[in-house]
C-alpha cells in the first residue's frame, strides 16, 4: 500500500447496526462494516484496506478490547487510520489510544443512526474523516457531525447527543 493509503478498522457501534434476520428480527445486530458499502459507492482516489477487529456496542468495549485495538494500529504500516466506533465511548477510546500511539493519524467516527437507514449520518461522518485524515498532524481525533477535533477538545452533550468543541 502506498503512502496515501488508509486502514479502516471496524469496532462496531450504531454505524454498523442492521436488522439481519428475515423473520423475528426484533433487535439490531452489528454486521458488515458500513465503510465497505460507502467506499464501494464512491470509487475513492486513495488505496485502502480494512480490518474487522470486533463488533461491539461501544458500551461493551473493555480495556482488553482497547489494548487489542492499540496493538493492531501499532502493527500497521499505514500512518492513516479511521475507526468505526459507537458514539457513547468513542472519546474514551480516543483518550486510551492517545496514550499508546503518537506517530499516526487516527480518526474515530461513527453514526447516530445506522448506515442502513436512509436518514443516517454515517456517510457524512465518514466523509469528514476521509477528507481530514491526510491533512492532520499525528494524533487521535473524533469526526462527528461536521467537526474533526482531537479527543481532548471535542465534547458531547449527553442530553442531545450532539458533539461540539
C-alpha atoms as a PDB file:
ATOM      1  CA  UNK A   1       0.000   0.000   0.000  1.00  0.00           C
ATOM      2  CA  UNK A   2       1.194   3.490  -0.816  1.00  0.00           C
ATOM      3  CA  UNK A   3       1.830   6.496   1.366  1.00  0.00           C
ATOM      4  CA  UNK A   4      -1.697   7.763   0.697  1.00  0.00           C
ATOM      5  CA  UNK A   5      -3.438   4.677   1.986  1.00  0.00           C
ATOM      6  CA  UNK A   6      -5.938   4.422   4.814  1.00  0.00           C
ATOM      7  CA  UNK A   7      -6.601   1.472   7.061  1.00  0.00           C
ATOM      8  CA  UNK A   8     -10.219   1.286   8.199  1.00  0.00           C
ATOM      9  CA  UNK A   9     -10.887  -0.662  11.383  1.00  0.00           C
ATOM     10  CA  UNK A  10     -14.316  -1.845  12.475  1.00  0.00           C
ATOM     11  CA  UNK A  11     -15.035  -1.991  16.192  1.00  0.00           C
ATOM     12  CA  UNK A  12     -18.816  -1.792  15.945  1.00  0.00           C
ATOM     13  CA  UNK A  13     -21.336   0.754  17.103  1.00  0.00           C
ATOM     14  CA  UNK A  14     -24.534   2.115  15.636  1.00  0.00           C
ATOM     15  CA  UNK A  15     -22.879   2.883  12.287  1.00  0.00           C
ATOM     16  CA  UNK A  16     -22.693  -0.881  11.574  1.00  0.00           C
ATOM     17  CA  UNK A  17     -26.045  -1.959  13.064  1.00  0.00           C
ATOM     18  CA  UNK A  18     -28.641  -3.736  10.968  1.00  0.00           C
ATOM     19  CA  UNK A  19     -31.719  -5.920  11.245  1.00  0.00           C
ATOM     20  CA  UNK A  20     -30.045  -9.069   9.907  1.00  0.00           C
ATOM     21  CA  UNK A  21     -32.872 -11.566  10.259  1.00  0.00           C
ATOM     22  CA  UNK A  22     -35.649 -12.032   7.745  1.00  0.00           C
ATOM     23  CA  UNK A  23     -38.081 -13.102  10.481  1.00  0.00           C
ATOM     24  CA  UNK A  24     -38.223 -12.308  14.167  1.00  0.00           C
ATOM     25  CA  UNK A  25     -35.652  -9.563  13.579  1.00  0.00           C
ATOM     26  CA  UNK A  26     -36.636  -7.531  16.594  1.00  0.00           C
ATOM     27  CA  UNK A  27     -33.143  -6.478  17.643  1.00  0.00           C
ATOM     28  CA  UNK A  28     -30.215  -4.791  15.984  1.00  0.00           C
ATOM     29  CA  UNK A  29     -27.033  -6.731  15.403  1.00  0.00           C
ATOM     30  CA  UNK A  30     -23.702  -5.380  14.272  1.00  0.00           C
ATOM     31  CA  UNK A  31     -22.979  -6.631  10.782  1.00  0.00           C
ATOM     32  CA  UNK A  32     -20.589  -5.936   7.945  1.00  0.00           C
ATOM     33  CA  UNK A  33     -18.645  -2.674   8.171  1.00  0.00           C
ATOM     34  CA  UNK A  34     -20.594   0.304   6.828  1.00  0.00           C
ATOM     35  CA  UNK A  35     -17.422   1.784   5.371  1.00  0.00           C
ATOM     36  CA  UNK A  36     -17.244  -1.070   2.839  1.00  0.00           C
ATOM     37  CA  UNK A  37     -20.632  -0.132   1.363  1.00  0.00           C
ATOM     38  CA  UNK A  38     -19.850   3.584   1.476  1.00  0.00           C
ATOM     39  CA  UNK A  39     -16.435   3.248  -0.184  1.00  0.00           C
ATOM     40  CA  UNK A  40     -17.835   0.950  -2.886  1.00  0.00           C
ATOM     41  CA  UNK A  41     -20.224   3.757  -3.899  1.00  0.00           C
ATOM     42  CA  UNK A  42     -17.568   6.418  -4.382  1.00  0.00           C
ATOM     43  CA  UNK A  43     -14.618   4.696  -6.104  1.00  0.00           C
ATOM     44  CA  UNK A  44     -12.065   6.547  -3.941  1.00  0.00           C
ATOM     45  CA  UNK A  45      -8.827   8.055  -5.229  1.00  0.00           C
ATOM     46  CA  UNK A  46      -6.794   6.507  -2.420  1.00  0.00           C
ATOM     47  CA  UNK A  47      -5.761   2.990  -1.528  1.00  0.00           C
ATOM     48  CA  UNK A  48      -7.305   1.347   1.489  1.00  0.00           C
ATOM     49  CA  UNK A  49      -7.591  -1.832   3.441  1.00  0.00           C
ATOM     50  CA  UNK A  50      -9.939  -2.781   6.229  1.00  0.00           C
ATOM     51  CA  UNK A  51      -9.824  -4.865   9.355  1.00  0.00           C
ATOM     52  CA  UNK A  52     -12.820  -6.264  11.222  1.00  0.00           C
ATOM     53  CA  UNK A  53     -11.364  -6.179  14.721  1.00  0.00           C
ATOM     54  CA  UNK A  54     -14.508  -6.634  16.802  1.00  0.00           C
ATOM     55  CA  UNK A  55     -18.204  -5.890  16.527  1.00  0.00           C
ATOM     56  CA  UNK A  56     -19.465  -4.463  19.783  1.00  0.00           C
ATOM     57  CA  UNK A  57     -21.725  -1.781  21.099  1.00  0.00           C
ATOM     58  CA  UNK A  58     -19.302   0.796  22.478  1.00  0.00           C
ATOM     59  CA  UNK A  59     -20.730   0.420  25.988  1.00  0.00           C
ATOM     60  CA  UNK A  60     -19.457  -3.192  25.909  1.00  0.00           C
ATOM     61  CA  UNK A  61     -15.870  -2.327  24.882  1.00  0.00           C
ATOM     62  CA  UNK A  62     -13.362  -3.403  27.517  1.00  0.00           C
ATOM     63  CA  UNK A  63      -9.822  -2.360  28.372  1.00  0.00           C
ATOM     64  CA  UNK A  64      -8.669  -5.574  26.680  1.00  0.00           C
ATOM     65  CA  UNK A  65     -10.543  -4.553  23.522  1.00  0.00           C
ATOM     66  CA  UNK A  66      -8.842  -1.155  23.567  1.00  0.00           C
ATOM     67  CA  UNK A  67      -5.456  -2.827  24.071  1.00  0.00           C
ATOM     68  CA  UNK A  68      -6.194  -5.107  21.105  1.00  0.00           C
ATOM     69  CA  UNK A  69      -7.119  -2.056  19.024  1.00  0.00           C
ATOM     70  CA  UNK A  70      -3.919  -0.233  20.008  1.00  0.00           C
ATOM     71  CA  UNK A  71      -1.808  -3.305  19.205  1.00  0.00           C
ATOM     72  CA  UNK A  72      -3.484  -3.631  15.795  1.00  0.00           C
ATOM     73  CA  UNK A  73      -2.820   0.032  14.967  1.00  0.00           C
ATOM     74  CA  UNK A  74       0.794  -0.094  16.149  1.00  0.00           C
ATOM     75  CA  UNK A  75       1.445  -3.088  13.894  1.00  0.00           C
ATOM     76  CA  UNK A  76       0.135  -1.310  10.767  1.00  0.00           C
ATOM     77  CA  UNK A  77       2.382   0.074   8.057  1.00  0.00           C
ATOM     78  CA  UNK A  78      -0.255   2.669   7.275  1.00  0.00           C
ATOM     79  CA  UNK A  79       0.090   6.017   9.039  1.00  0.00           C
ATOM     80  CA  UNK A  80      -3.585   6.855   8.446  1.00  0.00           C
ATOM     81  CA  UNK A  81      -6.306   5.010  10.363  1.00  0.00           C
ATOM     82  CA  UNK A  82     -10.066   5.526  10.506  1.00  0.00           C
ATOM     83  CA  UNK A  83     -12.015   3.550  13.108  1.00  0.00           C
ATOM     84  CA  UNK A  84     -15.764   2.934  13.096  1.00  0.00           C
ATOM     85  CA  UNK A  85     -16.938   3.046  16.695  1.00  0.00           C
ATOM     86  CA  UNK A  86     -20.018   3.582  18.821  1.00  0.00           C
ATOM     87  CA  UNK A  87     -20.616   7.157  19.886  1.00  0.00           C
ATOM     88  CA  UNK A  88     -21.116   6.537  23.611  1.00  0.00           C
ATOM     89  CA  UNK A  89     -17.473   5.745  24.385  1.00  0.00           C
ATOM     90  CA  UNK A  90     -15.523   6.912  21.325  1.00  0.00           C
ATOM     91  CA  UNK A  91     -13.931   9.764  23.299  1.00  0.00           C
ATOM     92  CA  UNK A  92     -12.793   7.244  25.949  1.00  0.00           C
ATOM     93  CA  UNK A  93     -11.245   5.004  23.308  1.00  0.00           C
ATOM     94  CA  UNK A  94      -9.548   8.007  21.701  1.00  0.00           C
ATOM     95  CA  UNK A  95      -8.045   9.003  25.043  1.00  0.00           C
ATOM     96  CA  UNK A  96      -6.746   5.480  25.569  1.00  0.00           C
ATOM     97  CA  UNK A  97      -5.184   5.323  22.101  1.00  0.00           C
ATOM     98  CA  UNK A  98      -3.550   8.730  22.501  1.00  0.00           C
ATOM     99  CA  UNK A  99      -1.530   7.385  25.428  1.00  0.00           C
ATOM    100  CA  UNK A 100      -0.337   4.400  23.345  1.00  0.00           C
ATOM    101  CA  UNK A 101       0.292   5.803  19.843  1.00  0.00           C
ATOM    102  CA  UNK A 102       1.835   9.091  18.730  1.00  0.00           C
ATOM    103  CA  UNK A 103       3.117   8.519  15.186  1.00  0.00           C
ATOM    104  CA  UNK A 104      -0.138   8.001  13.250  1.00  0.00           C
ATOM    105  CA  UNK A 105      -3.211   9.993  12.321  1.00  0.00           C
ATOM    106  CA  UNK A 106      -6.142   8.168  13.900  1.00  0.00           C
ATOM    107  CA  UNK A 107      -9.718   9.331  13.405  1.00  0.00           C
ATOM    108  CA  UNK A 108     -12.626   7.688  15.195  1.00  0.00           C
ATOM    109  CA  UNK A 109     -16.056   8.150  13.673  1.00  0.00           C
ATOM    110  CA  UNK A 110     -19.498   6.630  13.911  1.00  0.00           C
ATOM    111  CA  UNK A 111     -23.143   7.496  13.451  1.00  0.00           C
ATOM    112  CA  UNK A 112     -26.197   8.409  15.460  1.00  0.00           C
ATOM    113  CA  UNK A 113     -28.330   6.258  13.129  1.00  0.00           C
ATOM    114  CA  UNK A 114     -27.233   3.051  11.357  1.00  0.00           C
ATOM    115  CA  UNK A 115     -25.758   3.436   7.873  1.00  0.00           C
ATOM    116  CA  UNK A 116     -28.543   1.166   6.598  1.00  0.00           C
ATOM    117  CA  UNK A 117     -31.136   3.848   7.475  1.00  0.00           C
ATOM    118  CA  UNK A 118     -31.983   6.336   4.733  1.00  0.00           C
ATOM    119  CA  UNK A 119     -31.560   9.276   7.117  1.00  0.00           C
ATOM    120  CA  UNK A 120     -28.230   8.099   8.545  1.00  0.00           C
ATOM    121  CA  UNK A 121     -25.353  10.451   9.209  1.00  0.00           C
ATOM    122  CA  UNK A 122     -22.817   7.651   8.562  1.00  0.00           C
ATOM    123  CA  UNK A 123     -21.744   8.723   5.067  1.00  0.00           C
ATOM    124  CA  UNK A 124     -21.335  12.354   6.149  1.00  0.00           C
ATOM    125  CA  UNK A 125     -19.251  11.455   9.204  1.00  0.00           C
ATOM    126  CA  UNK A 126     -17.061   9.011   7.287  1.00  0.00           C
ATOM    127  CA  UNK A 127     -16.630  11.589   4.517  1.00  0.00           C
ATOM    128  CA  UNK A 128     -15.476  14.179   7.051  1.00  0.00           C
ATOM    129  CA  UNK A 129     -12.946  11.679   8.428  1.00  0.00           C
ATOM    130  CA  UNK A 130     -11.614  10.763   4.985  1.00  0.00           C
ATOM    131  CA  UNK A 131     -11.440  14.418   3.924  1.00  0.00           C
ATOM    132  CA  UNK A 132      -9.426  15.306   7.013  1.00  0.00           C
ATOM    133  CA  UNK A 133      -7.131  12.316   7.507  1.00  0.00           C
ATOM    134  CA  UNK A 134      -4.343  13.287   5.084  1.00  0.00           C
ATOM    135  CA  UNK A 135      -4.308  16.890   6.343  1.00  0.00           C
ATOM    136  CA  UNK A 136      -3.836  16.332  10.070  1.00  0.00           C
ATOM    137  CA  UNK A 137      -0.761  16.023  12.250  1.00  0.00           C
ATOM    138  CA  UNK A 138      -0.283  12.694  14.035  1.00  0.00           C
ATOM    139  CA  UNK A 139      -2.747  12.355  16.902  1.00  0.00           C
ATOM    140  CA  UNK A 140      -6.138  10.942  17.794  1.00  0.00           C
ATOM    141  CA  UNK A 141      -9.235  12.729  16.516  1.00  0.00           C
ATOM    142  CA  UNK A 142     -13.017  12.376  16.542  1.00  0.00           C
ATOM    143  CA  UNK A 143     -15.017  13.122  13.361  1.00  0.00           C
ATOM    144  CA  UNK A 144     -18.709  13.611  14.085  1.00  0.00           C
ATOM    145  CA  UNK A 145     -21.411  15.939  12.818  1.00  0.00           C
ATOM    146  CA  UNK A 146     -19.061  18.078  10.725  1.00  0.00           C
ATOM    147  CA  UNK A 147     -16.442  18.531  13.452  1.00  0.00           C
ATOM    148  CA  UNK A 148     -12.980  16.952  13.398  1.00  0.00           C
ATOM    149  CA  UNK A 149     -11.127  17.685  16.625  1.00  0.00           C
ATOM    150  CA  UNK A 150      -8.671  15.982  18.919  1.00  0.00           C
ATOM    151  CA  UNK A 151     -10.237  13.734  21.516  1.00  0.00           C
ATOM    152  CA  UNK A 152      -9.361  16.155  24.337  1.00  0.00           C
ATOM    153  CA  UNK A 153     -11.111  19.126  22.698  1.00  0.00           C
ATOM    154  CA  UNK A 154     -14.301  17.589  21.337  1.00  0.00           C
ATOM    155  CA  UNK A 155     -17.162  17.161  23.798  1.00  0.00           C
ATOM    156  CA  UNK A 156     -20.573  15.511  23.697  1.00  0.00           C
ATOM    157  CA  UNK A 157     -23.831  16.818  25.098  1.00  0.00           C
ATOM    158  CA  UNK A 158     -25.308  13.741  26.780  1.00  0.00           C
ATOM    159  CA  UNK A 159     -28.857  15.101  26.574  1.00  0.00           C
ATOM    160  CA  UNK A 160     -28.888  15.900  22.843  1.00  0.00           C
ATOM    161  CA  UNK A 161     -26.148  13.517  21.688  1.00  0.00           C
ATOM    162  CA  UNK A 162     -24.511  16.379  19.743  1.00  0.00           C
ATOM    163  CA  UNK A 163     -20.759  16.716  19.527  1.00  0.00           C
ATOM    164  CA  UNK A 164     -19.188  20.159  19.906  1.00  0.00           C
ATOM    165  CA  UNK A 165     -15.874  21.840  20.655  1.00  0.00           C
END
